[in-house]
Amino acid sequence: MNLKEFIQDESINRSWINEEHICVYVRRSKRFIDGQLKDCLDLANVSVDEEERGKGIFSKFLIHFEKEAVNLNRTVYLENVLEKRLQKHLMEVKNYKLLNFHCEVATFIKT
């Protein structure tokens, strides 16, 4: 399944998305954030082919994912971001809000 198929089939709430050089686990969810129950699109697990890392594959996927979330009026929820460089990039460049930080692992949202 690719992201377009997942977005179009509202009966599917979670799925592994397989696109060229990237595999991503996504969910539709409702989360209590900042005192409100919000509809979210979760990005929970990402794997980029080792030989393709550092070539912008995840960045391109995230841009597309964010656009779909906007179209669906959903908050983007990025779960368990481990890489420090990505954590910094999400906050400083992509305007994500740090929701939780525990044991070097960060969770972010973008509304």
N, C-alpha and C. Protein backbone atom coordinates (compact mmCIF):
# COMPACT_ATOMS: atom_id res chain seq x y z
N MET A 1 0.86 -1.18 0.00
CA MET A 1 0.00 0.00 0.00
C MET A 1 0.90 1.24 0.00
N ASN A 2 0.49 2.26 -0.75
CA ASN A 2 1.22 3.52 -0.70
C ASN A 2 0.38 4.56 0.06
N LEU A 3 0.96 5.75 0.27
CA LEU A 3 0.28 6.77 1.07
C LEU A 3 -1.04 7.18 0.45
N LYS A 4 -1.08 7.34 -0.86
CA LYS A 4 -2.32 7.75 -1.54
C LYS A 4 -3.44 6.75 -1.28
N GLU A 5 -3.13 5.47 -1.37
CA GLU A 5 -4.14 4.43 -1.12
C GLU A 5 -4.63 4.47 0.32
N PHE A 6 -3.70 4.67 1.25
CA PHE A 6 -4.07 4.76 2.67
C PHE A 6 -5.00 5.95 2.91
N ILE A 7 -4.65 7.09 2.37
CA ILE A 7 -5.46 8.30 2.57
C ILE A 7 -6.85 8.12 1.97
N GLN A 8 -6.94 7.50 0.81
CA GLN A 8 -8.22 7.35 0.13
C GLN A 8 -9.15 6.34 0.81
N ASP A 9 -8.61 5.35 1.48
CA ASP A 9 -9.43 4.30 2.11
C ASP A 9 -9.59 4.58 3.60
N GLU A 10 -10.63 5.33 3.95
CA GLU A 10 -10.84 5.74 5.33
C GLU A 10 -11.20 4.59 6.26
N SER A 11 -11.47 3.41 5.71
CA SER A 11 -11.76 2.26 6.55
C SER A 11 -10.48 1.66 7.16
N ILE A 12 -9.33 2.07 6.63
CA ILE A 12 -8.04 1.60 7.15
C ILE A 12 -7.48 2.65 8.10
N ASN A 13 -7.28 2.26 9.35
CA ASN A 13 -6.79 3.20 10.35
C ASN A 13 -5.29 3.14 10.57
N ARG A 14 -4.66 2.05 10.15
CA ARG A 14 -3.20 1.91 10.30
C ARG A 14 -2.68 1.00 9.21
N SER A 15 -1.46 1.30 8.78
CA SER A 15 -0.90 0.50 7.69
C SER A 15 0.59 0.76 7.55
N TRP A 16 1.29 -0.23 7.02
CA TRP A 16 2.65 -0.03 6.53
C TRP A 16 2.55 0.53 5.12
N ILE A 17 3.24 1.62 4.88
CA ILE A 17 3.28 2.27 3.57
C ILE A 17 4.63 1.92 2.94
N ASN A 18 4.57 1.36 1.76
CA ASN A 18 5.80 1.00 1.06
C ASN A 18 5.91 1.83 -0.21
N GLU A 19 6.91 2.69 -0.23
CA GLU A 19 7.19 3.47 -1.41
C GLU A 19 8.67 3.27 -1.74
N GLU A 20 9.09 3.79 -2.86
CA GLU A 20 10.46 3.54 -3.31
C GLU A 20 11.48 3.96 -2.25
N HIS A 21 12.25 3.00 -1.76
CA HIS A 21 13.35 3.19 -0.81
C HIS A 21 12.91 3.57 0.61
N ILE A 22 11.61 3.55 0.90
CA ILE A 22 11.14 3.92 2.24
C ILE A 22 9.94 3.06 2.63
N CYS A 23 9.91 2.69 3.89
CA CYS A 23 8.79 1.95 4.46
C CYS A 23 8.38 2.69 5.74
N VAL A 24 7.10 3.03 5.85
CA VAL A 24 6.62 3.87 6.94
C VAL A 24 5.35 3.28 7.54
N TYR A 25 5.28 3.27 8.88
CA TYR A 25 4.05 2.83 9.55
C TYR A 25 3.26 4.07 9.93
N VAL A 26 2.03 4.17 9.44
CA VAL A 26 1.17 5.34 9.67
C VAL A 26 -0.15 4.93 10.30
N ARG A 27 -0.76 5.89 10.99
CA ARG A 27 -2.06 5.66 11.63
C ARG A 27 -2.92 6.90 11.52
N ARG A 28 -4.23 6.69 11.53
CA ARG A 28 -5.18 7.75 11.81
C ARG A 28 -5.49 7.61 13.30
N SER A 29 -5.50 8.72 14.01
CA SER A 29 -5.75 8.62 15.45
C SER A 29 -6.48 9.86 15.95
N LYS A 30 -6.93 9.75 17.17
CA LYS A 30 -7.45 10.90 17.92
C LYS A 30 -6.58 10.99 19.17
N ARG A 31 -6.05 12.17 19.43
CA ARG A 31 -5.14 12.37 20.57
C ARG A 31 -5.54 13.61 21.35
N PHE A 32 -5.37 13.51 22.64
CA PHE A 32 -5.64 14.64 23.53
C PHE A 32 -4.36 15.49 23.57
N ILE A 33 -4.40 16.65 22.91
CA ILE A 33 -3.24 17.53 22.78
C ILE A 33 -3.65 18.95 23.16
N ASP A 34 -2.89 19.55 24.06
CA ASP A 34 -3.14 20.93 24.49
C ASP A 34 -4.58 21.13 24.94
N GLY A 35 -5.10 20.15 25.66
CA GLY A 35 -6.45 20.27 26.22
C GLY A 35 -7.58 20.01 25.25
N GLN A 36 -7.26 19.54 24.04
CA GLN A 36 -8.29 19.29 23.04
C GLN A 36 -8.08 17.92 22.42
N LEU A 37 -9.19 17.29 22.03
CA LEU A 37 -9.12 16.04 21.29
C LEU A 37 -8.94 16.39 19.82
N LYS A 38 -7.83 15.93 19.23
CA LYS A 38 -7.51 16.29 17.85
C LYS A 38 -7.42 15.05 16.97
N ASP A 39 -7.90 15.19 15.73
CA ASP A 39 -7.70 14.15 14.72
C ASP A 39 -6.27 14.28 14.22
N CYS A 40 -5.57 13.15 14.19
CA CYS A 40 -4.16 13.17 13.81
C CYS A 40 -3.86 12.17 12.71
N LEU A 41 -2.78 12.43 12.00
CA LEU A 41 -2.12 11.45 11.14
C LEU A 41 -0.78 11.18 11.81
N ASP A 42 -0.59 9.94 12.24
CA ASP A 42 0.63 9.56 12.95
C ASP A 42 1.64 8.95 12.00
N LEU A 43 2.87 9.33 12.19
CA LEU A 43 3.99 8.70 11.52
C LEU A 43 4.77 8.02 12.66
N ALA A 44 4.68 6.69 12.72
CA ALA A 44 5.15 5.98 13.90
C ALA A 44 6.48 5.25 13.71
N ASN A 45 6.80 4.87 12.50
CA ASN A 45 8.03 4.12 12.27
C ASN A 45 8.48 4.37 10.84
N VAL A 46 9.76 4.63 10.66
CA VAL A 46 10.30 4.92 9.33
C VAL A 46 11.57 4.11 9.11
N SER A 47 11.67 3.53 7.94
CA SER A 47 12.89 2.83 7.55
C SER A 47 13.22 3.21 6.11
N VAL A 48 14.39 3.81 5.93
CA VAL A 48 14.88 4.17 4.60
C VAL A 48 15.99 3.19 4.26
N ASP A 49 15.98 2.68 3.03
CA ASP A 49 17.04 1.78 2.59
C ASP A 49 18.40 2.39 2.94
N GLU A 50 19.26 1.58 3.54
CA GLU A 50 20.54 2.08 4.04
C GLU A 50 21.35 2.83 2.99
N GLU A 51 21.41 2.30 1.78
CA GLU A 51 22.20 2.94 0.73
C GLU A 51 21.57 4.23 0.20
N GLU A 52 20.33 4.50 0.59
CA GLU A 52 19.61 5.69 0.12
C GLU A 52 19.49 6.78 1.19
N ARG A 53 19.99 6.51 2.38
CA ARG A 53 19.89 7.49 3.47
C ARG A 53 20.70 8.75 3.15
N GLY A 54 20.19 9.87 3.63
CA GLY A 54 20.87 11.14 3.40
C GLY A 54 20.60 11.75 2.04
N LYS A 55 19.65 11.19 1.30
CA LYS A 55 19.34 11.68 -0.05
C LYS A 55 17.99 12.39 -0.12
N GLY A 56 17.39 12.69 1.04
CA GLY A 56 16.14 13.45 1.06
C GLY A 56 14.88 12.63 0.90
N ILE A 57 14.98 11.33 0.96
CA ILE A 57 13.80 10.48 0.75
C ILE A 57 12.77 10.69 1.85
N PHE A 58 13.22 10.69 3.11
CA PHE A 58 12.28 10.93 4.20
C PHE A 58 11.74 12.35 4.14
N SER A 59 12.57 13.31 3.86
CA SER A 59 12.12 14.71 3.78
C SER A 59 11.01 14.88 2.75
N LYS A 60 11.18 14.25 1.59
CA LYS A 60 10.15 14.34 0.55
C LYS A 60 8.86 13.65 0.99
N PHE A 61 9.00 12.49 1.65
CA PHE A 61 7.81 11.80 2.14
C PHE A 61 7.10 12.66 3.18
N LEU A 62 7.85 13.28 4.09
CA LEU A 62 7.25 14.10 5.14
C LEU A 62 6.50 15.30 4.55
N ILE A 63 7.03 15.92 3.53
CA ILE A 63 6.34 17.04 2.87
C ILE A 63 4.98 16.56 2.33
N HIS A 64 4.99 15.44 1.67
CA HIS A 64 3.75 14.88 1.12
C HIS A 64 2.78 14.51 2.26
N PHE A 65 3.29 13.91 3.31
CA PHE A 65 2.49 13.51 4.48
C PHE A 65 1.84 14.75 5.12
N GLU A 66 2.61 15.82 5.27
CA GLU A 66 2.10 17.06 5.86
C GLU A 66 0.98 17.65 4.99
N LYS A 67 1.14 17.63 3.68
CA LYS A 67 0.11 18.16 2.78
C LYS A 67 -1.18 17.35 2.91
N GLU A 68 -1.06 16.04 3.01
CA GLU A 68 -2.25 15.20 3.18
C GLU A 68 -2.93 15.51 4.51
N ALA A 69 -2.15 15.72 5.56
CA ALA A 69 -2.74 16.06 6.86
C ALA A 69 -3.50 17.38 6.79
N VAL A 70 -2.93 18.37 6.12
CA VAL A 70 -3.61 19.66 5.96
C VAL A 70 -4.91 19.47 5.20
N ASN A 71 -4.88 18.71 4.10
CA ASN A 71 -6.08 18.47 3.30
C ASN A 71 -7.17 17.77 4.11
N LEU A 72 -6.77 16.95 5.06
CA LEU A 72 -7.73 16.22 5.91
C LEU A 72 -8.04 16.94 7.22
N ASN A 73 -7.46 18.12 7.40
CA ASN A 73 -7.61 18.89 8.63
C ASN A 73 -7.18 18.07 9.85
N ARG A 74 -6.02 17.44 9.74
CA ARG A 74 -5.48 16.61 10.82
C ARG A 74 -4.12 17.15 11.26
N THR A 75 -3.81 16.93 12.52
CA THR A 75 -2.52 17.27 13.09
C THR A 75 -1.53 16.17 12.74
N VAL A 76 -0.31 16.54 12.37
CA VAL A 76 0.75 15.56 12.14
C VAL A 76 1.35 15.20 13.49
N TYR A 77 1.45 13.91 13.76
CA TYR A 77 2.00 13.41 15.01
C TYR A 77 3.19 12.51 14.67
N LEU A 78 4.39 12.96 15.03
CA LEU A 78 5.61 12.20 14.76
C LEU A 78 6.05 11.54 16.05
N GLU A 79 6.01 10.24 16.06
CA GLU A 79 6.23 9.47 17.28
C GLU A 79 7.67 8.97 17.38
N ASN A 80 8.26 9.12 18.55
CA ASN A 80 9.56 8.52 18.89
C ASN A 80 10.67 8.84 17.90
N VAL A 81 10.96 10.12 17.75
CA VAL A 81 12.05 10.55 16.87
C VAL A 81 13.36 10.42 17.65
N LEU A 82 14.23 9.56 17.16
CA LEU A 82 15.47 9.24 17.87
C LEU A 82 16.65 10.11 17.45
N GLU A 83 16.73 10.45 16.18
CA GLU A 83 17.90 11.13 15.64
C GLU A 83 17.94 12.60 16.06
N LYS A 84 19.00 12.98 16.75
CA LYS A 84 19.13 14.35 17.27
C LYS A 84 19.09 15.40 16.16
N ARG A 85 19.77 15.12 15.05
CA ARG A 85 19.78 16.08 13.94
C ARG A 85 18.38 16.31 13.40
N LEU A 86 17.58 15.25 13.31
CA LEU A 86 16.20 15.38 12.84
C LEU A 86 15.35 16.11 13.87
N GLN A 87 15.55 15.84 15.15
CA GLN A 87 14.80 16.55 16.19
C GLN A 87 15.00 18.05 16.06
N LYS A 88 16.25 18.45 15.90
CA LYS A 88 16.58 19.88 15.76
C LYS A 88 15.95 20.46 14.50
N HIS A 89 16.06 19.75 13.39
CA HIS A 89 15.50 20.19 12.11
C HIS A 89 13.98 20.37 12.20
N LEU A 90 13.31 19.43 12.84
CA LEU A 90 11.85 19.51 12.96
C LEU A 90 11.42 20.76 13.71
N MET A 91 12.15 21.11 14.77
CA MET A 91 11.79 22.28 15.57
C MET A 91 12.22 23.59 14.91
N GLU A 92 13.44 23.64 14.42
CA GLU A 92 14.00 24.91 13.94
C GLU A 92 13.63 25.25 12.50
N VAL A 93 13.46 24.25 11.66
CA VAL A 93 13.19 24.50 10.25
C VAL A 93 11.74 24.21 9.88
N LYS A 94 11.21 23.09 10.38
CA LYS A 94 9.87 22.63 9.98
C LYS A 94 8.76 23.13 10.91
N ASN A 95 9.11 23.85 11.96
CA ASN A 95 8.14 24.45 12.90
C ASN A 95 7.26 23.42 13.62
N TYR A 96 7.85 22.29 13.98
CA TYR A 96 7.14 21.31 14.80
C TYR A 96 7.24 21.70 16.26
N LYS A 97 6.24 21.32 17.00
CA LYS A 97 6.21 21.56 18.45
C LYS A 97 6.62 20.28 19.16
N LEU A 98 7.57 20.40 20.08
CA LEU A 98 7.98 19.26 20.89
C LEU A 98 6.86 18.95 21.88
N LEU A 99 6.33 17.76 21.81
CA LEU A 99 5.22 17.36 22.67
C LEU A 99 5.72 16.59 23.88
N ASN A 100 6.76 15.77 23.67
CA ASN A 100 7.26 14.92 24.74
C ASN A 100 8.73 14.60 24.47
N PHE A 101 9.54 14.59 25.53
CA PHE A 101 10.94 14.20 25.40
C PHE A 101 11.30 13.37 26.61
N HIS A 102 11.68 12.13 26.35
CA HIS A 102 12.00 11.21 27.43
C HIS A 102 13.09 10.25 26.97
N CYS A 103 14.16 10.14 27.73
CA CYS A 103 15.26 9.22 27.40
C CYS A 103 15.80 9.45 26.00
N GLU A 104 16.00 10.71 25.62
CA GLU A 104 16.56 11.06 24.32
C GLU A 104 15.61 10.83 23.14
N VAL A 105 14.36 10.46 23.41
CA VAL A 105 13.37 10.19 22.36
C VAL A 105 12.34 11.32 22.39
N ALA A 106 12.04 11.87 21.23
CA ALA A 106 11.12 13.01 21.13
C ALA A 106 9.88 12.66 20.32
N THR A 107 8.78 13.27 20.72
CA THR A 107 7.52 13.19 19.97
C THR A 107 7.12 14.60 19.62
N PHE A 108 6.72 14.82 18.35
CA PHE A 108 6.42 16.15 17.84
C PHE A 108 5.02 16.19 17.22
N ILE A 109 4.47 17.41 17.18
CA ILE A 109 3.22 17.65 16.45
C ILE A 109 3.38 18.87 15.57
N LYS A 110 2.56 18.90 14.52
CA LYS A 110 2.46 20.08 13.66
C LYS A 110 1.00 20.21 13.27
N THR A 111 0.43 21.35 13.59
CA THR A 111 -0.99 21.57 13.28
C THR A 111 -1.14 22.49 12.09
